[in-house]
Amino acid sequence: YPKISTMPIGWFRAGDLRIETRHLPV
């Protein structure tokens, strides 16, 4: 799951995209 605080808003360059995620087991 991505962290909301790291999701892009608006325009961005592909190289600038760094979305922090967390892994959770089922």
PDB file of all heavy atoms in Angstrom:
ATOM      1  N   TYR A   1       0.847  -1.196   0.000  1.00  0.00           N
ATOM      2  CA  TYR A   1       0.000   0.000   0.000  1.00  0.00           C
ATOM      3  C   TYR A   1       0.879   1.241   0.000  1.00  0.00           C
ATOM      4  O   TYR A   1       1.844   1.325   0.758  1.00  0.00           O
ATOM      5  CB  TYR A   1      -0.901   0.024   1.239  1.00  0.00           C
ATOM      6  CG  TYR A   1      -1.932  -1.063   1.226  1.00  0.00           C
ATOM      7  CD1 TYR A   1      -1.684  -2.289   1.830  1.00  0.00           C
ATOM      8  CD2 TYR A   1      -3.143  -0.878   0.582  1.00  0.00           C
ATOM      9  CE1 TYR A   1      -2.638  -3.301   1.795  1.00  0.00           C
ATOM     10  CE2 TYR A   1      -4.095  -1.880   0.547  1.00  0.00           C
ATOM     11  CZ  TYR A   1      -3.832  -3.083   1.154  1.00  0.00           C
ATOM     12  OH  TYR A   1      -4.769  -4.091   1.109  1.00  0.00           O
ATOM     13  N   PRO A   2       0.545   2.242  -0.851  1.00  0.00           N
ATOM     14  CA  PRO A   2       1.317   3.493  -0.839  1.00  0.00           C
ATOM     15  C   PRO A   2       0.912   4.376   0.341  1.00  0.00           C
ATOM     16  O   PRO A   2      -0.238   4.354   0.780  1.00  0.00           O
ATOM     17  CB  PRO A   2       0.931   4.153  -2.160  1.00  0.00           C
ATOM     18  CG  PRO A   2      -0.426   3.627  -2.460  1.00  0.00           C
ATOM     19  CD  PRO A   2      -0.467   2.230  -1.892  1.00  0.00           C
ATOM     20  N   LYS A   3       1.902   5.128   0.847  1.00  0.00           N
ATOM     21  CA  LYS A   3       1.601   6.123   1.872  1.00  0.00           C
ATOM     22  C   LYS A   3       1.017   7.346   1.181  1.00  0.00           C
ATOM     23  O   LYS A   3       1.545   7.812   0.180  1.00  0.00           O
ATOM     24  CB  LYS A   3       2.868   6.512   2.623  1.00  0.00           C
ATOM     25  CG  LYS A   3       3.313   5.476   3.628  1.00  0.00           C
ATOM     26  CD  LYS A   3       4.563   5.923   4.346  1.00  0.00           C
ATOM     27  CE  LYS A   3       4.291   7.149   5.176  1.00  0.00           C
ATOM     28  NZ  LYS A   3       5.465   7.557   5.966  1.00  0.00           N
ATOM     29  N   ILE A   4      -0.069   7.863   1.696  1.00  0.00           N
ATOM     30  CA  ILE A   4      -0.751   9.013   1.093  1.00  0.00           C
ATOM     31  C   ILE A   4       0.167  10.221   1.026  1.00  0.00           C
ATOM     32  O   ILE A   4       0.192  10.927   0.027  1.00  0.00           O
ATOM     33  CB  ILE A   4      -2.033   9.357   1.887  1.00  0.00           C
ATOM     34  CG1 ILE A   4      -3.038   8.217   1.760  1.00  0.00           C
ATOM     35  CG2 ILE A   4      -2.630  10.667   1.408  1.00  0.00           C
ATOM     36  CD1 ILE A   4      -4.234   8.350   2.658  1.00  0.00           C
ATOM     37  N   SER A   5       0.963  10.443   2.048  1.00  0.00           N
ATOM     38  CA  SER A   5       1.818  11.635   2.094  1.00  0.00           C
ATOM     39  C   SER A   5       2.886  11.647   1.007  1.00  0.00           C
ATOM     40  O   SER A   5       3.464  12.683   0.715  1.00  0.00           O
ATOM     41  CB  SER A   5       2.487  11.749   3.466  1.00  0.00           C
ATOM     42  OG  SER A   5       3.277  10.597   3.710  1.00  0.00           O
ATOM     43  N   THR A   6       3.164  10.501   0.375  1.00  0.00           N
ATOM     44  CA  THR A   6       4.185  10.456  -0.666  1.00  0.00           C
ATOM     45  C   THR A   6       3.588  10.324  -2.059  1.00  0.00           C
ATOM     46  O   THR A   6       4.322  10.223  -3.033  1.00  0.00           O
ATOM     47  CB  THR A   6       5.159   9.281  -0.431  1.00  0.00           C
ATOM     48  OG1 THR A   6       4.437   8.048  -0.497  1.00  0.00           O
ATOM     49  CG2 THR A   6       5.852   9.408   0.907  1.00  0.00           C
ATOM     50  N   MET A   7       2.258  10.324  -2.181  1.00  0.00           N
ATOM     51  CA  MET A   7       1.625  10.220  -3.494  1.00  0.00           C
ATOM     52  C   MET A   7       1.668  11.571  -4.192  1.00  0.00           C
ATOM     53  O   MET A   7       1.447  12.607  -3.569  1.00  0.00           O
ATOM     54  CB  MET A   7       0.185   9.723  -3.354  1.00  0.00           C
ATOM     55  CG  MET A   7       0.112   8.284  -2.887  1.00  0.00           C
ATOM     56  SD  MET A   7      -1.560   7.695  -2.670  1.00  0.00           S
ATOM     57  CE  MET A   7      -2.116   7.646  -4.352  1.00  0.00           C
ATOM     58  N   PRO A   8       1.970  11.587  -5.503  1.00  0.00           N
ATOM     59  CA  PRO A   8       2.106  12.859  -6.214  1.00  0.00           C
ATOM     60  C   PRO A   8       0.762  13.562  -6.426  1.00  0.00           C
ATOM     61  O   PRO A   8      -0.257  12.929  -6.638  1.00  0.00           O
ATOM     62  CB  PRO A   8       2.711  12.443  -7.552  1.00  0.00           C
ATOM     63  CG  PRO A   8       2.294  11.030  -7.736  1.00  0.00           C
ATOM     64  CD  PRO A   8       2.204  10.434  -6.355  1.00  0.00           C
ATOM     65  N   ILE A   9       0.816  14.867  -6.347  1.00  0.00           N
ATOM     66  CA  ILE A   9      -0.342  15.707  -6.657  1.00  0.00           C
ATOM     67  C   ILE A   9       0.098  16.669  -7.748  1.00  0.00           C
ATOM     68  O   ILE A   9       1.109  17.342  -7.618  1.00  0.00           O
ATOM     69  CB  ILE A   9      -0.812  16.490  -5.412  1.00  0.00           C
ATOM     70  CG1 ILE A   9      -1.251  15.514  -4.331  1.00  0.00           C
ATOM     71  CG2 ILE A   9      -1.920  17.461  -5.766  1.00  0.00           C
ATOM     72  CD1 ILE A   9      -1.588  16.171  -3.013  1.00  0.00           C
ATOM     73  N   GLY A  10      -0.660  16.722  -8.812  1.00  0.00           N
ATOM     74  CA  GLY A  10      -0.303  17.613  -9.915  1.00  0.00           C
ATOM     75  C   GLY A  10       0.711  16.985 -10.852  1.00  0.00           C
ATOM     76  O   GLY A  10       0.832  15.782 -10.944  1.00  0.00           O
ATOM     77  N   TRP A  11       1.484  17.849 -11.533  1.00  0.00           N
ATOM     78  CA  TRP A  11       2.447  17.386 -12.533  1.00  0.00           C
ATOM     79  C   TRP A  11       3.774  17.041 -11.868  1.00  0.00           C
ATOM     80  O   TRP A  11       4.176  17.658 -10.897  1.00  0.00           O
ATOM     81  CB  TRP A  11       2.672  18.469 -13.578  1.00  0.00           C
ATOM     82  CG  TRP A  11       1.439  18.736 -14.363  1.00  0.00           C
ATOM     83  CD1 TRP A  11       0.529  19.736 -14.169  1.00  0.00           C
ATOM     84  CD2 TRP A  11       0.944  17.971 -15.451  1.00  0.00           C
ATOM     85  NE1 TRP A  11      -0.493  19.649 -15.064  1.00  0.00           N
ATOM     86  CE2 TRP A  11      -0.260  18.553 -15.878  1.00  0.00           C
ATOM     87  CE3 TRP A  11       1.396  16.838 -16.111  1.00  0.00           C
ATOM     88  CZ2 TRP A  11      -1.002  18.060 -16.920  1.00  0.00           C
ATOM     89  CZ3 TRP A  11       0.652  16.344 -17.164  1.00  0.00           C
ATOM     90  CH2 TRP A  11      -0.536  16.960 -17.557  1.00  0.00           C
ATOM     91  N   PHE A  12       4.439  16.046 -12.426  1.00  0.00           N
ATOM     92  CA  PHE A  12       5.747  15.661 -11.923  1.00  0.00           C
ATOM     93  C   PHE A  12       6.524  14.992 -13.056  1.00  0.00           C
ATOM     94  O   PHE A  12       5.950  14.514 -14.012  1.00  0.00           O
ATOM     95  CB  PHE A  12       5.630  14.702 -10.730  1.00  0.00           C
ATOM     96  CG  PHE A  12       4.858  13.454 -11.061  1.00  0.00           C
ATOM     97  CD1 PHE A  12       5.501  12.322 -11.542  1.00  0.00           C
ATOM     98  CD2 PHE A  12       3.477  13.412 -10.901  1.00  0.00           C
ATOM     99  CE1 PHE A  12       4.784  11.182 -11.863  1.00  0.00           C
ATOM    100  CE2 PHE A  12       2.759  12.271 -11.211  1.00  0.00           C
ATOM    101  CZ  PHE A  12       3.416  11.153 -11.696  1.00  0.00           C
ATOM    102  N   ARG A  13       7.828  14.970 -12.910  1.00  0.00           N
ATOM    103  CA  ARG A  13       8.667  14.248 -13.868  1.00  0.00           C
ATOM    104  C   ARG A  13       8.836  12.822 -13.378  1.00  0.00           C
ATOM    105  O   ARG A  13       8.935  12.578 -12.162  1.00  0.00           O
ATOM    106  CB  ARG A  13      10.032  14.915 -13.981  1.00  0.00           C
ATOM    107  CG  ARG A  13       9.967  16.291 -14.620  1.00  0.00           C
ATOM    108  CD  ARG A  13      11.355  16.814 -14.829  1.00  0.00           C
ATOM    109  NE  ARG A  13      12.149  16.635 -13.604  1.00  0.00           N
ATOM    110  CZ  ARG A  13      12.958  17.533 -13.094  1.00  0.00           C
ATOM    111  NH1 ARG A  13      13.084  18.696 -13.666  1.00  0.00           N
ATOM    112  NH2 ARG A  13      13.639  17.289 -12.006  1.00  0.00           N
ATOM    113  N   ALA A  14       8.895  11.874 -14.294  1.00  0.00           N
ATOM    114  CA  ALA A  14       8.975  10.457 -13.930  1.00  0.00           C
ATOM    115  C   ALA A  14      10.150  10.168 -12.993  1.00  0.00           C
ATOM    116  O   ALA A  14      10.043   9.377 -12.073  1.00  0.00           O
ATOM    117  CB  ALA A  14       9.062   9.590 -15.175  1.00  0.00           C
ATOM    118  N   GLY A  15      11.275  10.816 -13.202  1.00  0.00           N
ATOM    119  CA  GLY A  15      12.445  10.591 -12.353  1.00  0.00           C
ATOM    120  C   GLY A  15      12.276  11.106 -10.939  1.00  0.00           C
ATOM    121  O   GLY A  15      12.993  10.707 -10.030  1.00  0.00           O
ATOM    122  N   ASP A  16      11.320  12.024 -10.744  1.00  0.00           N
ATOM    123  CA  ASP A  16      11.083  12.613  -9.421  1.00  0.00           C
ATOM    124  C   ASP A  16      10.111  11.802  -8.571  1.00  0.00           C
ATOM    125  O   ASP A  16       9.916  12.106  -7.404  1.00  0.00           O
ATOM    126  CB  ASP A  16      10.512  14.033  -9.562  1.00  0.00           C
ATOM    127  CG  ASP A  16      11.512  14.978 -10.198  1.00  0.00           C
ATOM    128  OD1 ASP A  16      12.721  14.670 -10.165  1.00  0.00           O
ATOM    129  OD2 ASP A  16      11.077  16.003 -10.733  1.00  0.00           O
ATOM    130  N   LEU A  17       9.515  10.786  -9.161  1.00  0.00           N
ATOM    131  CA  LEU A  17       8.465  10.041  -8.474  1.00  0.00           C
ATOM    132  C   LEU A  17       9.057   9.013  -7.514  1.00  0.00           C
ATOM    133  O   LEU A  17       9.708   8.067  -7.924  1.00  0.00           O
ATOM    134  CB  LEU A  17       7.569   9.351  -9.500  1.00  0.00           C
ATOM    135  CG  LEU A  17       6.357   8.597  -8.966  1.00  0.00           C
ATOM    136  CD1 LEU A  17       5.446   9.550  -8.206  1.00  0.00           C
ATOM    137  CD2 LEU A  17       5.609   7.952 -10.102  1.00  0.00           C
ATOM    138  N   ARG A  18       8.837   9.217  -6.236  1.00  0.00           N
ATOM    139  CA  ARG A  18       9.276   8.274  -5.203  1.00  0.00           C
ATOM    140  C   ARG A  18       8.132   8.096  -4.219  1.00  0.00           C
ATOM    141  O   ARG A  18       7.928   8.927  -3.352  1.00  0.00           O
ATOM    142  CB  ARG A  18      10.513   8.790  -4.498  1.00  0.00           C
ATOM    143  CG  ARG A  18      11.746   8.726  -5.358  1.00  0.00           C
ATOM    144  CD  ARG A  18      12.963   9.283  -4.651  1.00  0.00           C
ATOM    145  NE  ARG A  18      14.107   9.296  -5.523  1.00  0.00           N
ATOM    146  CZ  ARG A  18      14.365  10.236  -6.425  1.00  0.00           C
ATOM    147  NH1 ARG A  18      13.540  11.255  -6.555  1.00  0.00           N
ATOM    148  NH2 ARG A  18      15.417  10.180  -7.194  1.00  0.00           N
ATOM    149  N   ILE A  19       7.401   7.018  -4.382  1.00  0.00           N
ATOM    150  CA  ILE A  19       6.257   6.751  -3.514  1.00  0.00           C
ATOM    151  C   ILE A  19       6.681   5.737  -2.463  1.00  0.00           C
ATOM    152  O   ILE A  19       7.120   4.640  -2.786  1.00  0.00           O
ATOM    153  CB  ILE A  19       5.055   6.225  -4.310  1.00  0.00           C
ATOM    154  CG1 ILE A  19       4.599   7.284  -5.313  1.00  0.00           C
ATOM    155  CG2 ILE A  19       3.913   5.841  -3.376  1.00  0.00           C
ATOM    156  CD1 ILE A  19       3.484   6.839  -6.217  1.00  0.00           C
ATOM    157  N   GLU A  20       6.564   6.111  -1.209  1.00  0.00           N
ATOM    158  CA  GLU A  20       6.893   5.220  -0.108  1.00  0.00           C
ATOM    159  C   GLU A  20       5.748   4.227   0.078  1.00  0.00           C
ATOM    160  O   GLU A  20       4.577   4.605   0.014  1.00  0.00           O
ATOM    161  CB  GLU A  20       7.086   6.049   1.159  1.00  0.00           C
ATOM    162  CG  GLU A  20       7.929   5.391   2.197  1.00  0.00           C
ATOM    163  CD  GLU A  20       8.206   6.328   3.365  1.00  0.00           C
ATOM    164  OE1 GLU A  20       8.377   7.536   3.145  1.00  0.00           O
ATOM    165  OE2 GLU A  20       8.227   5.826   4.489  1.00  0.00           O
ATOM    166  N   THR A  21       6.078   2.971   0.301  1.00  0.00           N
ATOM    167  CA  THR A  21       5.053   1.937   0.463  1.00  0.00           C
ATOM    168  C   THR A  21       5.285   1.139   1.741  1.00  0.00           C
ATOM    169  O   THR A  21       6.363   1.180   2.333  1.00  0.00           O
ATOM    170  CB  THR A  21       5.059   0.958  -0.727  1.00  0.00           C
ATOM    171  OG1 THR A  21       6.337   0.339  -0.812  1.00  0.00           O
ATOM    172  CG2 THR A  21       4.729   1.666  -2.027  1.00  0.00           C
ATOM    173  N   ARG A  22       4.256   0.413   2.135  1.00  0.00           N
ATOM    174  CA  ARG A  22       4.332  -0.511   3.267  1.00  0.00           C
ATOM    175  C   ARG A  22       3.787  -1.854   2.811  1.00  0.00           C
ATOM    176  O   ARG A  22       2.819  -1.918   2.057  1.00  0.00           O
ATOM    177  CB  ARG A  22       3.496  -0.005   4.448  1.00  0.00           C
ATOM    178  CG  ARG A  22       4.007   1.265   5.058  1.00  0.00           C
ATOM    179  CD  ARG A  22       5.311   0.999   5.814  1.00  0.00           C
ATOM    180  NE  ARG A  22       5.804   2.190   6.431  1.00  0.00           N
ATOM    181  CZ  ARG A  22       6.753   2.962   5.925  1.00  0.00           C
ATOM    182  NH1 ARG A  22       7.283   2.682   4.765  1.00  0.00           N
ATOM    183  NH2 ARG A  22       7.182   4.020   6.565  1.00  0.00           N
ATOM    184  N   HIS A  23       4.393  -2.932   3.287  1.00  0.00           N
ATOM    185  CA  HIS A  23       3.974  -4.288   2.949  1.00  0.00           C
ATOM    186  C   HIS A  23       3.301  -4.913   4.169  1.00  0.00           C
ATOM    187  O   HIS A  23       3.844  -4.861   5.269  1.00  0.00           O
ATOM    188  CB  HIS A  23       5.174  -5.135   2.533  1.00  0.00           C
ATOM    189  CG  HIS A  23       5.933  -4.545   1.396  1.00  0.00           C
ATOM    190  ND1 HIS A  23       5.493  -4.622   0.092  1.00  0.00           N
ATOM    191  CD2 HIS A  23       7.082  -3.834   1.360  1.00  0.00           C
ATOM    192  CE1 HIS A  23       6.352  -4.003  -0.693  1.00  0.00           C
ATOM    193  NE2 HIS A  23       7.320  -3.504   0.052  1.00  0.00           N
ATOM    194  N   LEU A  24       2.121  -5.480   3.952  1.00  0.00           N
ATOM    195  CA  LEU A  24       1.366  -6.106   5.044  1.00  0.00           C
ATOM    196  C   LEU A  24       0.962  -7.514   4.636  1.00  0.00           C
ATOM    197  O   LEU A  24       0.456  -7.730   3.540  1.00  0.00           O
ATOM    198  CB  LEU A  24       0.115  -5.283   5.360  1.00  0.00           C
ATOM    199  CG  LEU A  24       0.359  -3.883   5.899  1.00  0.00           C
ATOM    200  CD1 LEU A  24      -0.921  -3.080   5.896  1.00  0.00           C
ATOM    201  CD2 LEU A  24       0.916  -3.972   7.297  1.00  0.00           C
ATOM    202  N   PRO A  25       1.164  -8.495   5.534  1.00  0.00           N
ATOM    203  CA  PRO A  25       0.797  -9.873   5.219  1.00  0.00           C
ATOM    204  C   PRO A  25      -0.689 -10.145   5.467  1.00  0.00           C
ATOM    205  O   PRO A  25      -1.295  -9.584   6.369  1.00  0.00           O
ATOM    206  CB  PRO A  25       1.656 -10.695   6.181  1.00  0.00           C
ATOM    207  CG  PRO A  25       1.835  -9.795   7.367  1.00  0.00           C
ATOM    208  CD  PRO A  25       1.870  -8.389   6.811  1.00  0.00           C
ATOM    209  N   VAL A  26      -1.233 -11.027   4.640  1.00  0.00           N
ATOM    210  CA  VAL A  26      -2.592 -11.525   4.844  1.00  0.00           C
ATOM    211  C   VAL A  26      -2.456 -12.893   5.495  1.00  0.00           C
ATOM    212  O   VAL A  26      -1.620 -13.704   5.082  1.00  0.00           O
ATOM    213  CB  VAL A  26      -3.356 -11.644   3.505  1.00  0.00           C
ATOM    214  CG1 VAL A  26      -4.719 -12.272   3.710  1.00  0.00           C
ATOM    215  CG2 VAL A  26      -3.481 -10.277   2.861  1.00  0.00           C
TER     216      VAL A  26
END
